PDB file of N, CA and C in Angstrom:
ATOM      1  N   MET A   1      77.019-166.323-165.953  1.00  0.00           N
ATOM      2  CA  MET A   1      77.870-167.429-165.560  1.00  0.00           C
ATOM      3  C   MET A   1      77.582-168.615-166.462  1.00  0.00           C
ATOM      4  N   LYS A   2      78.530-169.506-166.548  1.00  0.00           N
ATOM      5  CA  LYS A   2      78.368-170.712-167.359  1.00  0.00           C
ATOM      6  C   LYS A   2      78.223-171.901-166.406  1.00  0.00           C
ATOM      7  N   ILE A   3      77.233-172.747-166.695  1.00  0.00           N
ATOM      8  CA  ILE A   3      77.038-173.988-165.957  1.00  0.00           C
ATOM      9  C   ILE A   3      77.400-175.138-166.886  1.00  0.00           C
ATOM     10  N   MET A   4      78.242-176.024-166.389  1.00  0.00           N
ATOM     11  CA  MET A   4      78.650-177.191-167.169  1.00  0.00           C
ATOM     12  C   MET A   4      78.205-178.460-166.438  1.00  0.00           C
ATOM     13  N   LEU A   5      77.720-179.402-167.199  1.00  0.00           N
ATOM     14  CA  LEU A   5      77.310-180.696-166.657  1.00  0.00           C
ATOM     15  C   LEU A   5      78.370-181.735-166.988  1.00  0.00           C
ATOM     16  N   ILE A   6      78.670-182.577-166.016  1.00  0.00           N
ATOM     17  CA  ILE A   6      79.600-183.681-166.239  1.00  0.00           C
ATOM     18  C   ILE A   6      78.842-184.967-165.908  1.00  0.00           C
ATOM     19  N   PRO A   7      78.125-185.508-166.898  1.00  0.00           N
ATOM     20  CA  PRO A   7      77.256-186.662-166.652  1.00  0.00           C
ATOM     21  C   PRO A   7      77.978-187.871-166.067  1.00  0.00           C
ATOM     22  N   GLU A   8      79.262-188.038-166.409  1.00  0.00           N
ATOM     23  CA  GLU A   8      80.019-189.189-165.909  1.00  0.00           C
ATOM     24  C   GLU A   8      80.149-189.170-164.386  1.00  0.00           C
ATOM     25  N   ARG A   9      80.049-187.999-163.790  1.00  0.00           N
ATOM     26  CA  ARG A   9      80.157-187.876-162.338  1.00  0.00           C
ATOM     27  C   ARG A   9      78.813-188.037-161.621  1.00  0.00           C
ATOM     28  N   CYS A  10      77.723-187.886-162.344  1.00  0.00           N
ATOM     29  CA  CYS A  10      76.391-187.878-161.739  1.00  0.00           C
ATOM     30  C   CYS A  10      76.033-189.256-161.179  1.00  0.00           C
ATOM     31  N   ILE A  11      75.500-189.254-159.953  1.00  0.00           N
ATOM     32  CA  ILE A  11      75.060-190.511-159.326  1.00  0.00           C
ATOM     33  C   ILE A  11      73.535-190.572-159.212  1.00  0.00           C
ATOM     34  N   ALA A  12      72.849-189.676-159.903  1.00  0.00           N
ATOM     35  CA  ALA A  12      71.379-189.658-159.955  1.00  0.00           C
ATOM     36  C   ALA A  12      70.738-189.501-158.582  1.00  0.00           C
ATOM     37  N   CYS A  13      71.319-188.642-157.753  1.00  0.00           N
ATOM     38  CA  CYS A  13      70.773-188.444-156.405  1.00  0.00           C
ATOM     39  C   CYS A  13      69.538-187.547-156.405  1.00  0.00           C
ATOM     40  N   GLY A  14      69.392-186.684-157.411  1.00  0.00           N
ATOM     41  CA  GLY A  14      68.200-185.849-157.528  1.00  0.00           C
ATOM     42  C   GLY A  14      68.267-184.498-156.844  1.00  0.00           C
ATOM     43  N   LEU A  15      69.368-184.184-156.174  1.00  0.00           N
ATOM     44  CA  LEU A  15      69.445-182.908-155.454  1.00  0.00           C
ATOM     45  C   LEU A  15      69.340-181.696-156.370  1.00  0.00           C
ATOM     46  N   CYS A  16      69.987-181.716-157.508  1.00  0.00           N
ATOM     47  CA  CYS A  16      70.017-180.513-158.344  1.00  0.00           C
ATOM     48  C   CYS A  16      68.616-180.099-158.781  1.00  0.00           C
ATOM     49  N   GLN A  17      67.786-181.053-159.102  1.00  0.00           N
ATOM     50  CA  GLN A  17      66.428-180.708-159.524  1.00  0.00           C
ATOM     51  C   GLN A  17      65.594-180.189-158.360  1.00  0.00           C
ATOM     52  N   THR A  18      65.905-180.587-157.147  1.00  0.00           N
ATOM     53  CA  THR A  18      65.168-180.047-156.003  1.00  0.00           C
ATOM     54  C   THR A  18      65.498-178.573-155.784  1.00  0.00           C
ATOM     55  N   TYR A  19      66.663-178.131-156.213  1.00  0.00           N
ATOM     56  CA  TYR A  19      67.050-176.733-156.070  1.00  0.00           C
ATOM     57  C   TYR A  19      66.640-175.875-157.257  1.00  0.00           C
ATOM     58  N   SER A  20      66.646-176.417-158.461  1.00  0.00           N
ATOM     59  CA  SER A  20      66.386-175.603-159.647  1.00  0.00           C
ATOM     60  C   SER A  20      65.715-176.407-160.760  1.00  0.00           C
ATOM     61  N   ASP A  21      64.736-175.770-161.396  1.00  0.00           N
ATOM     62  CA  ASP A  21      64.058-176.373-162.546  1.00  0.00           C
ATOM     63  C   ASP A  21      64.920-176.371-163.802  1.00  0.00           C
ATOM     64  N   LEU A  22      66.091-175.759-163.746  1.00  0.00           N
ATOM     65  CA  LEU A  22      67.011-175.787-164.887  1.00  0.00           C
ATOM     66  C   LEU A  22      67.438-177.217-165.187  1.00  0.00           C
ATOM     67  N   PHE A  23      67.460-178.049-164.157  1.00  0.00           N
ATOM     68  CA  PHE A  23      67.963-179.410-164.294  1.00  0.00           C
ATOM     69  C   PHE A  23      66.834-180.426-164.374  1.00  0.00           C
ATOM     70  N   ASP A  24      67.089-181.467-165.132  1.00  0.00           N
ATOM     71  CA  ASP A  24      66.166-182.583-165.276  1.00  0.00           C
ATOM     72  C   ASP A  24      67.026-183.836-165.383  1.00  0.00           C
ATOM     73  N   TYR A  25      66.408-184.951-165.722  1.00  0.00           N
ATOM     74  CA  TYR A  25      67.135-186.216-165.767  1.00  0.00           C
ATOM     75  C   TYR A  25      66.778-187.024-166.999  1.00  0.00           C
ATOM     76  N   HIS A  26      67.766-187.722-167.537  1.00  0.00           N
ATOM     77  CA  HIS A  26      67.524-188.717-168.573  1.00  0.00           C
ATOM     78  C   HIS A  26      66.772-189.878-167.931  1.00  0.00           C
ATOM     79  N   ASP A  27      66.297-190.812-168.706  1.00  0.00           N
ATOM     80  CA  ASP A  27      65.568-191.975-168.178  1.00  0.00           C
ATOM     81  C   ASP A  27      66.378-192.762-167.153  1.00  0.00           C
ATOM     82  N   ASN A  28      67.699-192.727-167.281  1.00  0.00           N
ATOM     83  CA  ASN A  28      68.557-193.460-166.335  1.00  0.00           C
ATOM     84  C   ASN A  28      68.887-192.644-165.088  1.00  0.00           C
ATOM     85  N   GLY A  29      68.314-191.442-164.963  1.00  0.00           N
ATOM     86  CA  GLY A  29      68.504-190.627-163.774  1.00  0.00           C
ATOM     87  C   GLY A  29      69.680-189.679-163.819  1.00  0.00           C
ATOM     88  N   ILE A  30      70.417-189.658-164.918  1.00  0.00           N
ATOM     89  CA  ILE A  30      71.605-188.805-165.029  1.00  0.00           C
ATOM     90  C   ILE A  30      71.192-187.386-165.427  1.00  0.00           C
ATOM     91  N   VAL A  31      71.846-186.407-164.831  1.00  0.00           N
ATOM     92  CA  VAL A  31      71.487-185.000-165.006  1.00  0.00           C
ATOM     93  C   VAL A  31      71.566-184.549-166.463  1.00  0.00           C
ATOM     94  N   ARG A  32      70.659-183.638-166.805  1.00  0.00           N
ATOM     95  CA  ARG A  32      70.648-182.942-168.084  1.00  0.00           C
ATOM     96  C   ARG A  32      69.932-181.617-167.877  1.00  0.00           C
ATOM     97  N   PHE A  33      70.032-180.715-168.849  1.00  0.00           N
ATOM     98  CA  PHE A  33      69.239-179.494-168.793  1.00  0.00           C
ATOM     99  C   PHE A  33      67.801-179.832-169.162  1.00  0.00           C
ATOM    100  N   PHE A  34      66.843-179.154-168.553  1.00  0.00           N
ATOM    101  CA  PHE A  34      65.435-179.512-168.698  1.00  0.00           C
ATOM    102  C   PHE A  34      64.935-179.474-170.133  1.00  0.00           C
ATOM    103  N   ASP A  35      65.495-178.616-170.966  1.00  0.00           N
ATOM    104  CA  ASP A  35      64.958-178.443-172.316  1.00  0.00           C
ATOM    105  C   ASP A  35      65.878-178.921-173.437  1.00  0.00           C
ATOM    106  N   ASP A  36      67.042-179.471-173.087  1.00  0.00           N
ATOM    107  CA  ASP A  36      67.967-179.939-174.123  1.00  0.00           C
ATOM    108  C   ASP A  36      68.820-181.079-173.576  1.00  0.00           C
ATOM    109  N   PRO A  37      68.442-182.312-173.862  1.00  0.00           N
ATOM    110  CA  PRO A  37      69.151-183.453-173.297  1.00  0.00           C
ATOM    111  C   PRO A  37      70.575-183.641-173.809  1.00  0.00           C
ATOM    112  N   GLU A  38      70.958-182.964-174.875  1.00  0.00           N
ATOM    113  CA  GLU A  38      72.299-183.130-175.442  1.00  0.00           C
ATOM    114  C   GLU A  38      73.274-182.046-175.005  1.00  0.00           C
ATOM    115  N   GLN A  39      72.780-180.916-174.560  1.00  0.00           N
ATOM    116  CA  GLN A  39      73.632-179.783-174.194  1.00  0.00           C
ATOM    117  C   GLN A  39      74.343-180.052-172.868  1.00  0.00           C
ATOM    118  N   LEU A  40      75.638-179.757-172.807  1.00  0.00           N
ATOM    119  CA  LEU A  40      76.416-179.977-171.593  1.00  0.00           C
ATOM    120  C   LEU A  40      76.897-178.694-170.933  1.00  0.00           C
ATOM    121  N   GLU A  41      76.699-177.550-171.577  1.00  0.00           N
ATOM    122  CA  GLU A  41      77.025-176.289-170.938  1.00  0.00           C
ATOM    123  C   GLU A  41      76.080-175.211-171.425  1.00  0.00           C
ATOM    124  N   ARG A  42      75.889-174.217-170.547  1.00  0.00           N
ATOM    125  CA  ARG A  42      74.928-173.170-170.851  1.00  0.00           C
ATOM    126  C   ARG A  42      75.292-171.892-170.106  1.00  0.00           C
ATOM    127  N   GLU A  43      75.177-170.774-170.807  1.00  0.00           N
ATOM    128  CA  GLU A  43      75.327-169.451-170.194  1.00  0.00           C
ATOM    129  C   GLU A  43      73.969-169.062-169.620  1.00  0.00           C
ATOM    130  N   ILE A  44      73.968-168.698-168.334  1.00  0.00           N
ATOM    131  CA  ILE A  44      72.722-168.296-167.682  1.00  0.00           C
ATOM    132  C   ILE A  44      72.996-167.149-166.717  1.00  0.00           C
ATOM    133  N   PRO A  45      71.968-166.375-166.396  1.00  0.00           N
ATOM    134  CA  PRO A  45      72.146-165.361-165.355  1.00  0.00           C
ATOM    135  C   PRO A  45      72.339-166.055-164.004  1.00  0.00           C
ATOM    136  N   SER A  46      73.090-165.427-163.137  1.00  0.00           N
ATOM    137  CA  SER A  46      73.322-165.987-161.815  1.00  0.00           C
ATOM    138  C   SER A  46      72.004-166.073-161.056  1.00  0.00           C
ATOM    139  N   SER A  47      71.824-167.166-160.346  1.00  0.00           N
ATOM    140  CA  SER A  47      70.595-167.403-159.589  1.00  0.00           C
ATOM    141  C   SER A  47      70.960-168.134-158.299  1.00  0.00           C
ATOM    142  N   ALA A  48      70.339-167.741-157.205  1.00  0.00           N
ATOM    143  CA  ALA A  48      70.613-168.382-155.920  1.00  0.00           C
ATOM    144  C   ALA A  48      70.269-169.868-155.959  1.00  0.00           C
ATOM    145  N   ASN A  49      69.182-170.229-156.619  1.00  0.00           N
ATOM    146  CA  ASN A  49      68.772-171.640-156.694  1.00  0.00           C
ATOM    147  C   ASN A  49      69.790-172.487-157.447  1.00  0.00           C
ATOM    148  N   ILE A  50      70.281-171.954-158.544  1.00  0.00           N
ATOM    149  CA  ILE A  50      71.253-172.699-159.341  1.00  0.00           C
ATOM    150  C   ILE A  50      72.579-172.807-158.594  1.00  0.00           C
ATOM    151  N   LEU A  51      72.978-171.737-157.939  1.00  0.00           N
ATOM    152  CA  LEU A  51      74.206-171.785-157.147  1.00  0.00           C
ATOM    153  C   LEU A  51      74.100-172.806-156.024  1.00  0.00           C
ATOM    154  N   GLU A  52      72.941-172.937-155.403  1.00  0.00           N
ATOM    155  CA  GLU A  52      72.738-173.952-154.367  1.00  0.00           C
ATOM    156  C   GLU A  52      72.829-175.356-154.951  1.00  0.00           C
ATOM    157  N   ALA A  53      72.277-175.539-156.141  1.00  0.00           N
ATOM    158  CA  ALA A  53      72.358-176.857-156.798  1.00  0.00           C
ATOM    159  C   ALA A  53      73.812-177.238-157.055  1.00  0.00           C
ATOM    160  N   VAL A  54      74.587-176.287-157.570  1.00  0.00           N
ATOM    161  CA  VAL A  54      76.004-176.543-157.846  1.00  0.00           C
ATOM    162  C   VAL A  54      76.746-176.840-156.542  1.00  0.00           C
ATOM    163  N   LYS A  55      76.519-176.018-155.544  1.00  0.00           N
ATOM    164  CA  LYS A  55      77.208-176.158-154.257  1.00  0.00           C
ATOM    165  C   LYS A  55      76.904-177.492-153.580  1.00  0.00           C
ATOM    166  N   ASN A  56      75.683-177.977-153.730  1.00  0.00           N
ATOM    167  CA  ASN A  56      75.260-179.176-153.008  1.00  0.00           C
ATOM    168  C   ASN A  56      75.394-180.470-153.793  1.00  0.00           C
ATOM    169  N   CYS A  57      75.861-180.412-155.033  1.00  0.00           N
ATOM    170  CA  CYS A  57      76.053-181.641-155.803  1.00  0.00           C
ATOM    171  C   CYS A  57      77.178-182.458-155.146  1.00  0.00           C
ATOM    172  N   PRO A  58      76.880-183.667-154.675  1.00  0.00           N
ATOM    173  CA  PRO A  58      77.877-184.438-153.929  1.00  0.00           C
ATOM    174  C   PRO A  58      79.053-184.940-154.772  1.00  0.00           C
ATOM    175  N   THR A  59      78.893-184.987-156.085  1.00  0.00           N
ATOM    176  CA  THR A  59      79.965-185.507-156.939  1.00  0.00           C
ATOM    177  C   THR A  59      80.573-184.450-157.860  1.00  0.00           C
ATOM    178  N   ARG A  60      80.157-183.203-157.687  1.00  0.00           N
ATOM    179  CA  ARG A  60      80.610-182.106-158.550  1.00  0.00           C
ATOM    180  C   ARG A  60      80.323-182.382-160.025  1.00  0.00           C
ATOM    181  N   ALA A  61      79.136-182.913-160.290  1.00  0.00           N
ATOM    182  CA  ALA A  61      78.694-183.132-161.667  1.00  0.00           C
ATOM    183  C   ALA A  61      78.199-181.829-162.285  1.00  0.00           C
ATOM    184  N   LEU A  62      78.014-180.798-161.464  1.00  0.00           N
ATOM    185  CA  LEU A  62      77.641-179.469-161.919  1.00  0.00           C
ATOM    186  C   LEU A  62      78.791-178.533-161.600  1.00  0.00           C
ATOM    187  N   ILE A  63      79.241-177.811-162.595  1.00  0.00           N
ATOM    188  CA  ILE A  63      80.369-176.894-162.427  1.00  0.00           C
ATOM    189  C   ILE A  63      79.935-175.503-162.861  1.00  0.00           C
ATOM    190  N   LYS A  64      80.316-174.502-162.084  1.00  0.00           N
ATOM    191  CA  LYS A  64      80.040-173.113-162.462  1.00  0.00           C
ATOM    192  C   LYS A  64      81.345-172.462-162.872  1.00  0.00           C
ATOM    193  N   ASP A  65      81.299-171.742-163.979  1.00  0.00           N
ATOM    194  CA  ASP A  65      82.462-171.016-164.486  1.00  0.00           C
ATOM    195  C   ASP A  65      82.027-169.587-164.729  1.00  0.00           C
ATOM    196  N   GLU A  66      82.574-168.663-163.973  1.00  0.00           N
ATOM    197  CA  GLU A  66      82.184-167.265-164.097  1.00  0.00           C
ATOM    198  C   GLU A  66      83.130-166.459-164.981  1.00  0.00           C
ATOM    199  N   SER A  67      84.051-167.115-165.640  1.00  0.00           N
ATOM    200  CA  SER A  67      85.013-166.369-166.474  1.00  0.00           C
ATOM    201  C   SER A  67      84.420-165.988-167.815  1.00  0.00           C
TER     202      SER A  67
END
């Protein structure tokens, strides 16, 4: 599956990182991938933790695309 980040929607609530270590934050609290602050999308194997992070993001700053 592909995970896409939409930083403009992020409100720095911190939920995604509580569900998965895939996510981290820039100094201003906006979501990023833990190992690449510039990357906005990534192909990853499906994971229950990541799916929970996507599902629980209050602003839909995390998007899953399974196509």
